[in-house]
Amino acid sequence: MARLEKACERSGGRPVDAARYSGGSHGADFEGVRTYIREHRQKDFIDNLSRKLLAFSLGRSLQLSDEPLIERMQAD
């Protein structure tokens, strides 16, 4: 409940609609989030996940020389 109260404070006291995504899409649960990502943000999600996994596995920040490997990781 404290999380919801803090979210309301950050939104200027307006109610928070957690089921509305950018672009006006709606979703009510985990399946809604997953559907939204697949339909609207899949490429961004895969790019971010690939970068985070690679940085973690290398134990360092990514460098420009890592770009070819990231592209290979994301290839279909």
PDB file of N, CA and C in Angstrom:
ATOM      1  N   MET A   1       0.820  -1.189   0.000  1.00  0.00           N
ATOM      2  CA  MET A   1       0.000   0.000   0.000  1.00  0.00           C
ATOM      3  C   MET A   1       0.863   1.252   0.000  1.00  0.00           C
ATOM      4  N   ALA A   2       2.001   1.193   0.672  1.00  0.00           N
ATOM      5  CA  ALA A   2       2.890   2.357   0.717  1.00  0.00           C
ATOM      6  C   ALA A   2       3.400   2.696  -0.675  1.00  0.00           C
ATOM      7  N   ARG A   3       3.628   1.673  -1.513  1.00  0.00           N
ATOM      8  CA  ARG A   3       4.085   1.921  -2.884  1.00  0.00           C
ATOM      9  C   ARG A   3       3.057   2.738  -3.661  1.00  0.00           C
ATOM     10  N   LEU A   4       1.795   2.372  -3.513  1.00  0.00           N
ATOM     11  CA  LEU A   4       0.726   3.067  -4.216  1.00  0.00           C
ATOM     12  C   LEU A   4       0.624   4.510  -3.739  1.00  0.00           C
ATOM     13  N   GLU A   5       0.770   4.715  -2.443  1.00  0.00           N
ATOM     14  CA  GLU A   5       0.723   6.077  -1.906  1.00  0.00           C
ATOM     15  C   GLU A   5       1.866   6.916  -2.461  1.00  0.00           C
ATOM     16  N   LYS A   6       3.062   6.339  -2.542  1.00  0.00           N
ATOM     17  CA  LYS A   6       4.202   7.081  -3.100  1.00  0.00           C
ATOM     18  C   LYS A   6       3.985   7.379  -4.577  1.00  0.00           C
ATOM     19  N   ALA A   7       3.392   6.446  -5.304  1.00  0.00           N
ATOM     20  CA  ALA A   7       3.104   6.678  -6.723  1.00  0.00           C
ATOM     21  C   ALA A   7       2.118   7.820  -6.877  1.00  0.00           C
ATOM     22  N   CYS A   8       1.131   7.887  -6.005  1.00  0.00           N
ATOM     23  CA  CYS A   8       0.159   8.983  -6.051  1.00  0.00           C
ATOM     24  C   CYS A   8       0.836  10.317  -5.739  1.00  0.00           C
ATOM     25  N   GLU A   9       1.770  10.318  -4.797  1.00  0.00           N
ATOM     26  CA  GLU A   9       2.496  11.544  -4.473  1.00  0.00           C
ATOM     27  C   GLU A   9       3.292  12.020  -5.681  1.00  0.00           C
ATOM     28  N   ARG A  10       3.942  11.097  -6.374  1.00  0.00           N
ATOM     29  CA  ARG A  10       4.759  11.470  -7.535  1.00  0.00           C
ATOM     30  C   ARG A  10       3.894  11.944  -8.698  1.00  0.00           C
ATOM     31  N   SER A  11       2.653  11.530  -8.735  1.00  0.00           N
ATOM     32  CA  SER A  11       1.780  11.926  -9.839  1.00  0.00           C
ATOM     33  C   SER A  11       0.985  13.182  -9.504  1.00  0.00           C
ATOM     34  N   GLY A  12       1.384  13.890  -8.478  1.00  0.00           N
ATOM     35  CA  GLY A  12       0.705  15.124  -8.112  1.00  0.00           C
ATOM     36  C   GLY A  12      -0.641  14.884  -7.469  1.00  0.00           C
ATOM     37  N   GLY A  13      -0.843  13.722  -6.854  1.00  0.00           N
ATOM     38  CA  GLY A  13      -2.093  13.420  -6.190  1.00  0.00           C
ATOM     39  C   GLY A  13      -3.164  12.843  -7.105  1.00  0.00           C
ATOM     40  N   ARG A  14      -2.893  12.810  -8.409  1.00  0.00           N
ATOM     41  CA  ARG A  14      -3.862  12.223  -9.343  1.00  0.00           C
ATOM     42  C   ARG A  14      -3.835  10.704  -9.195  1.00  0.00           C
ATOM     43  N   PRO A  15      -4.958  10.037  -9.431  1.00  0.00           N
ATOM     44  CA  PRO A  15      -4.975   8.570  -9.356  1.00  0.00           C
ATOM     45  C   PRO A  15      -4.044   7.966 -10.407  1.00  0.00           C
ATOM     46  N   VAL A  16      -3.421   6.876 -10.057  1.00  0.00           N
ATOM     47  CA  VAL A  16      -2.502   6.192 -10.962  1.00  0.00           C
ATOM     48  C   VAL A  16      -3.248   5.069 -11.664  1.00  0.00           C
ATOM     49  N   ASP A  17      -3.229   5.079 -12.995  1.00  0.00           N
ATOM     50  CA  ASP A  17      -3.862   4.009 -13.772  1.00  0.00           C
ATOM     51  C   ASP A  17      -2.760   3.061 -14.225  1.00  0.00           C
ATOM     52  N   ALA A  18      -2.523   2.016 -13.449  1.00  0.00           N
ATOM     53  CA  ALA A  18      -1.426   1.090 -13.733  1.00  0.00           C
ATOM     54  C   ALA A  18      -1.720   0.196 -14.922  1.00  0.00           C
ATOM     55  N   ALA A  19      -2.922   0.243 -15.444  1.00  0.00           N
ATOM     56  CA  ALA A  19      -3.294  -0.633 -16.550  1.00  0.00           C
ATOM     57  C   ALA A  19      -3.214   0.072 -17.899  1.00  0.00           C
ATOM     58  N   ARG A  20      -2.765   1.323 -17.936  1.00  0.00           N
ATOM     59  CA  ARG A  20      -2.696   2.068 -19.190  1.00  0.00           C
ATOM     60  C   ARG A  20      -1.221   2.262 -19.569  1.00  0.00           C
ATOM     61  N   TYR A  21      -0.885   1.893 -20.805  1.00  0.00           N
ATOM     62  CA  TYR A  21       0.478   2.017 -21.292  1.00  0.00           C
ATOM     63  C   TYR A  21       0.568   3.192 -22.261  1.00  0.00           C
ATOM     64  N   SER A  22       1.795   3.575 -22.594  1.00  0.00           N
ATOM     65  CA  SER A  22       1.953   4.663 -23.553  1.00  0.00           C
ATOM     66  C   SER A  22       1.275   4.285 -24.866  1.00  0.00           C
ATOM     67  N   GLY A  23       0.679   5.252 -25.512  1.00  0.00           N
ATOM     68  CA  GLY A  23      -0.035   4.990 -26.744  1.00  0.00           C
ATOM     69  C   GLY A  23      -1.492   4.607 -26.516  1.00  0.00           C
ATOM     70  N   GLY A  24      -1.913   4.552 -25.237  1.00  0.00           N
ATOM     71  CA  GLY A  24      -3.311   4.270 -24.943  1.00  0.00           C
ATOM     72  C   GLY A  24      -3.670   2.804 -24.805  1.00  0.00           C
ATOM     73  N   SER A  25      -2.699   1.889 -24.908  1.00  0.00           N
ATOM     74  CA  SER A  25      -2.990   0.462 -24.755  1.00  0.00           C
ATOM     75  C   SER A  25      -3.379   0.160 -23.314  1.00  0.00           C
ATOM     76  N   HIS A  26      -4.130  -0.908 -23.129  1.00  0.00           N
ATOM     77  CA  HIS A  26      -4.573  -1.315 -21.794  1.00  0.00           C
ATOM     78  C   HIS A  26      -4.125  -2.735 -21.506  1.00  0.00           C
ATOM     79  N   GLY A  27      -3.924  -3.027 -20.232  1.00  0.00           N
ATOM     80  CA  GLY A  27      -3.609  -4.368 -19.775  1.00  0.00           C
ATOM     81  C   GLY A  27      -3.754  -4.408 -18.272  1.00  0.00           C
ATOM     82  N   ALA A  28      -4.203  -5.518 -17.747  1.00  0.00           N
ATOM     83  CA  ALA A  28      -4.519  -5.558 -16.326  1.00  0.00           C
ATOM     84  C   ALA A  28      -3.575  -6.417 -15.494  1.00  0.00           C
ATOM     85  N   ASP A  29      -2.769  -7.248 -16.102  1.00  0.00           N
ATOM     86  CA  ASP A  29      -1.947  -8.157 -15.332  1.00  0.00           C
ATOM     87  C   ASP A  29      -0.653  -8.440 -16.094  1.00  0.00           C
ATOM     88  N   PHE A  30       0.063  -9.459 -15.654  1.00  0.00           N
ATOM     89  CA  PHE A  30       1.327  -9.803 -16.298  1.00  0.00           C
ATOM     90  C   PHE A  30       1.139 -10.124 -17.774  1.00  0.00           C
ATOM     91  N   GLU A  31       0.079 -10.832 -18.090  1.00  0.00           N
ATOM     92  CA  GLU A  31      -0.194 -11.166 -19.499  1.00  0.00           C
ATOM     93  C   GLU A  31      -0.384  -9.899 -20.325  1.00  0.00           C
ATOM     94  N   GLY A  32      -1.027  -8.892 -19.751  1.00  0.00           N
ATOM     95  CA  GLY A  32      -1.206  -7.622 -20.450  1.00  0.00           C
ATOM     96  C   GLY A  32       0.119  -6.937 -20.735  1.00  0.00           C
ATOM     97  N   VAL A  33       1.025  -6.975 -19.759  1.00  0.00           N
ATOM     98  CA  VAL A  33       2.353  -6.389 -19.951  1.00  0.00           C
ATOM     99  C   VAL A  33       3.110  -7.158 -21.029  1.00  0.00           C
ATOM    100  N   ARG A  34       3.069  -8.470 -20.960  1.00  0.00           N
ATOM    101  CA  ARG A  34       3.772  -9.293 -21.938  1.00  0.00           C
ATOM    102  C   ARG A  34       3.229  -9.067 -23.345  1.00  0.00           C
ATOM    103  N   THR A  35       1.921  -8.982 -23.463  1.00  0.00           N
ATOM    104  CA  THR A  35       1.308  -8.726 -24.766  1.00  0.00           C
ATOM    105  C   THR A  35       1.729  -7.362 -25.303  1.00  0.00           C
ATOM    106  N   TYR A  36       1.728  -6.358 -24.427  1.00  0.00           N
ATOM    107  CA  TYR A  36       2.140  -5.015 -24.849  1.00  0.00           C
ATOM    108  C   TYR A  36       3.586  -5.018 -25.357  1.00  0.00           C
ATOM    109  N   ILE A  37       4.476  -5.662 -24.612  1.00  0.00           N
ATOM    110  CA  ILE A  37       5.887  -5.713 -25.022  1.00  0.00           C
ATOM    111  C   ILE A  37       6.018  -6.422 -26.365  1.00  0.00           C
ATOM    112  N   ARG A  38       5.352  -7.543 -26.529  1.00  0.00           N
ATOM    113  CA  ARG A  38       5.442  -8.283 -27.798  1.00  0.00           C
ATOM    114  C   ARG A  38       4.919  -7.477 -28.974  1.00  0.00           C
ATOM    115  N   GLU A  39       3.842  -6.751 -28.776  1.00  0.00           N
ATOM    116  CA  GLU A  39       3.224  -6.020 -29.876  1.00  0.00           C
ATOM    117  C   GLU A  39       3.877  -4.683 -30.167  1.00  0.00           C
ATOM    118  N   HIS A  40       4.457  -4.026 -29.134  1.00  0.00           N
ATOM    119  CA  HIS A  40       4.923  -2.655 -29.321  1.00  0.00           C
ATOM    120  C   HIS A  40       6.407  -2.432 -29.030  1.00  0.00           C
ATOM    121  N   ARG A  41       7.021  -3.257 -28.187  1.00  0.00           N
ATOM    122  CA  ARG A  41       8.382  -2.949 -27.733  1.00  0.00           C
ATOM    123  C   ARG A  41       9.328  -4.145 -27.761  1.00  0.00           C
ATOM    124  N   GLN A  42       9.023  -5.165 -28.551  1.00  0.00           N
ATOM    125  CA  GLN A  42       9.824  -6.385 -28.515  1.00  0.00           C
ATOM    126  C   GLN A  42      11.284  -6.134 -28.888  1.00  0.00           C
ATOM    127  N   LYS A  43      11.525  -5.354 -29.935  1.00  0.00           N
ATOM    128  CA  LYS A  43      12.901  -5.084 -30.354  1.00  0.00           C
ATOM    129  C   LYS A  43      13.676  -4.361 -29.244  1.00  0.00           C
ATOM    130  N   ASP A  44      13.041  -3.370 -28.609  1.00  0.00           N
ATOM    131  CA  ASP A  44      13.690  -2.653 -27.506  1.00  0.00           C
ATOM    132  C   ASP A  44      13.980  -3.588 -26.337  1.00  0.00           C
ATOM    133  N   PHE A  45      13.023  -4.465 -26.025  1.00  0.00           N
ATOM    134  CA  PHE A  45      13.188  -5.398 -24.923  1.00  0.00           C
ATOM    135  C   PHE A  45      14.363  -6.341 -25.177  1.00  0.00           C
ATOM    136  N   ILE A  46      14.427  -6.903 -26.382  1.00  0.00           N
ATOM    137  CA  ILE A  46      15.510  -7.833 -26.723  1.00  0.00           C
ATOM    138  C   ILE A  46      16.860  -7.122 -26.712  1.00  0.00           C
ATOM    139  N   ASP A  47      16.910  -5.905 -27.228  1.00  0.00           N
ATOM    140  CA  ASP A  47      18.152  -5.142 -27.238  1.00  0.00           C
ATOM    141  C   ASP A  47      18.631  -4.878 -25.809  1.00  0.00           C
ATOM    142  N   ASN A  48      17.740  -4.426 -24.952  1.00  0.00           N
ATOM    143  CA  ASN A  48      18.109  -4.125 -23.576  1.00  0.00           C
ATOM    144  C   ASN A  48      18.527  -5.385 -22.824  1.00  0.00           C
ATOM    145  N   LEU A  49      17.772  -6.466 -22.979  1.00  0.00           N
ATOM    146  CA  LEU A  49      18.103  -7.716 -22.307  1.00  0.00           C
ATOM    147  C   LEU A  49      19.468  -8.240 -22.765  1.00  0.00           C
ATOM    148  N   SER A  50      19.736  -8.181 -24.061  1.00  0.00           N
ATOM    149  CA  SER A  50      21.020  -8.642 -24.590  1.00  0.00           C
ATOM    150  C   SER A  50      22.171  -7.848 -23.997  1.00  0.00           C
ATOM    151  N   ARG A  51      22.010  -6.545 -23.942  1.00  0.00           N
ATOM    152  CA  ARG A  51      23.068  -5.678 -23.391  1.00  0.00           C
ATOM    153  C   ARG A  51      23.290  -5.940 -21.903  1.00  0.00           C
ATOM    154  N   LYS A  52      22.209  -6.077 -21.148  1.00  0.00           N
ATOM    155  CA  LYS A  52      22.341  -6.321 -19.705  1.00  0.00           C
ATOM    156  C   LYS A  52      23.000  -7.673 -19.432  1.00  0.00           C
ATOM    157  N   LEU A  53      22.583  -8.712 -20.168  1.00  0.00           N
ATOM    158  CA  LEU A  53      23.173 -10.033 -19.968  1.00  0.00           C
ATOM    159  C   LEU A  53      24.654 -10.059 -20.328  1.00  0.00           C
ATOM    160  N   LEU A  54      24.994  -9.397 -21.440  1.00  0.00           N
ATOM    161  CA  LEU A  54      26.397  -9.378 -21.847  1.00  0.00           C
ATOM    162  C   LEU A  54      27.260  -8.614 -20.849  1.00  0.00           C
ATOM    163  N   ALA A  55      26.795  -7.462 -20.401  1.00  0.00           N
ATOM    164  CA  ALA A  55      27.556  -6.681 -19.420  1.00  0.00           C
ATOM    165  C   ALA A  55      27.739  -7.480 -18.130  1.00  0.00           C
ATOM    166  N   PHE A  56      26.693  -8.163 -17.698  1.00  0.00           N
ATOM    167  CA  PHE A  56      26.787  -8.969 -16.487  1.00  0.00           C
ATOM    168  C   PHE A  56      27.781 -10.112 -16.669  1.00  0.00           C
ATOM    169  N   SER A  57      27.693 -10.790 -17.810  1.00  0.00           N
ATOM    170  CA  SER A  57      28.567 -11.946 -18.022  1.00  0.00           C
ATOM    171  C   SER A  57      30.032 -11.537 -18.177  1.00  0.00           C
ATOM    172  N   LEU A  58      30.266 -10.360 -18.737  1.00  0.00           N
ATOM    173  CA  LEU A  58      31.639  -9.882 -18.887  1.00  0.00           C
ATOM    174  C   LEU A  58      32.178  -9.240 -17.611  1.00  0.00           C
ATOM    175  N   GLY A  59      31.280  -8.840 -16.748  1.00  0.00           N
ATOM    176  CA  GLY A  59      31.688  -8.202 -15.501  1.00  0.00           C
ATOM    177  C   GLY A  59      32.213  -6.796 -15.708  1.00  0.00           C
ATOM    178  N   ARG A  60      31.736  -6.130 -16.742  1.00  0.00           N
ATOM    179  CA  ARG A  60      32.187  -4.768 -17.041  1.00  0.00           C
ATOM    180  C   ARG A  60      31.133  -4.054 -17.870  1.00  0.00           C
ATOM    181  N   SER A  61      31.323  -2.756 -18.035  1.00  0.00           N
ATOM    182  CA  SER A  61      30.441  -1.992 -18.910  1.00  0.00           C
ATOM    183  C   SER A  61      30.719  -2.370 -20.356  1.00  0.00           C
ATOM    184  N   LEU A  62      29.706  -2.218 -21.193  1.00  0.00           N
ATOM    185  CA  LEU A  62      29.890  -2.535 -22.607  1.00  0.00           C
ATOM    186  C   LEU A  62      30.702  -1.459 -23.296  1.00  0.00           C
ATOM    187  N   GLN A  63      31.399  -1.887 -24.337  1.00  0.00           N
ATOM    188  CA  GLN A  63      32.218  -0.978 -25.133  1.00  0.00           C
ATOM    189  C   GLN A  63      31.755  -1.050 -26.580  1.00  0.00           C
ATOM    190  N   LEU A  64      32.195  -0.099 -27.359  1.00  0.00           N
ATOM    191  CA  LEU A  64      31.822  -0.064 -28.766  1.00  0.00           C
ATOM    192  C   LEU A  64      32.227  -1.359 -29.478  1.00  0.00           C
ATOM    193  N   SER A  65      33.334  -1.946 -29.065  1.00  0.00           N
ATOM    194  CA  SER A  65      33.798  -3.187 -29.693  1.00  0.00           C
ATOM    195  C   SER A  65      32.876  -4.369 -29.408  1.00  0.00           C
ATOM    196  N   ASP A  66      31.940  -4.225 -28.482  1.00  0.00           N
ATOM    197  CA  ASP A  66      30.988  -5.295 -28.168  1.00  0.00           C
ATOM    198  C   ASP A  66      29.774  -5.287 -29.096  1.00  0.00           C
ATOM    199  N   GLU A  67      29.590  -4.240 -29.882  1.00  0.00           N
ATOM    200  CA  GLU A  67      28.414  -4.118 -30.745  1.00  0.00           C
ATOM    201  C   GLU A  67      28.233  -5.300 -31.708  1.00  0.00           C
ATOM    202  N   PRO A  68      29.287  -5.780 -32.397  1.00  0.00           N
ATOM    203  CA  PRO A  68      29.079  -6.932 -33.286  1.00  0.00           C
ATOM    204  C   PRO A  68      28.547  -8.169 -32.551  1.00  0.00           C
ATOM    205  N   LEU A  69      29.013  -8.390 -31.339  1.00  0.00           N
ATOM    206  CA  LEU A  69      28.531  -9.523 -30.555  1.00  0.00           C
ATOM    207  C   LEU A  69      27.064  -9.332 -30.178  1.00  0.00           C
ATOM    208  N   ILE A  70      26.690  -8.129 -29.803  1.00  0.00           N
ATOM    209  CA  ILE A  70      25.289  -7.846 -29.466  1.00  0.00           C
ATOM    210  C   ILE A  70      24.410  -8.091 -30.682  1.00  0.00           C
ATOM    211  N   GLU A  71      24.845  -7.662 -31.843  1.00  0.00           N
ATOM    212  CA  GLU A  71      24.075  -7.886 -33.068  1.00  0.00           C
ATOM    213  C   GLU A  71      23.914  -9.377 -33.338  1.00  0.00           C
ATOM    214  N   ARG A  72      24.964 -10.170 -33.123  1.00  0.00           N
ATOM    215  CA  ARG A  72      24.870 -11.618 -33.315  1.00  0.00           C
ATOM    216  C   ARG A  72      23.916 -12.240 -32.311  1.00  0.00           C
ATOM    217  N   MET A  73      23.933 -11.732 -31.079  1.00  0.00           N
ATOM    218  CA  MET A  73      23.030 -12.259 -30.044  1.00  0.00           C
ATOM    219  C   MET A  73      21.578 -12.020 -30.421  1.00  0.00           C
ATOM    220  N   GLN A  74      21.304 -10.925 -31.122  1.00  0.00           N
ATOM    221  CA  GLN A  74      19.939 -10.549 -31.451  1.00  0.00           C
ATOM    222  C   GLN A  74      19.478 -11.093 -32.795  1.00  0.00           C
ATOM    223  N   ALA A  75      20.374 -11.730 -33.529  1.00  0.00           N
ATOM    224  CA  ALA A  75      20.007 -12.259 -34.860  1.00  0.00           C
ATOM    225  C   ALA A  75      18.934 -13.336 -34.704  1.00  0.00           C
ATOM    226  N   ASP A  76      18.033 -13.365 -35.651  1.00  0.00           N
ATOM    227  CA  ASP A  76      16.931 -14.354 -35.602  1.00  0.00           C
ATOM    228  C   ASP A  76      17.424 -15.728 -35.773  1.00  0.00           C
TER     229      ASP A  76
END
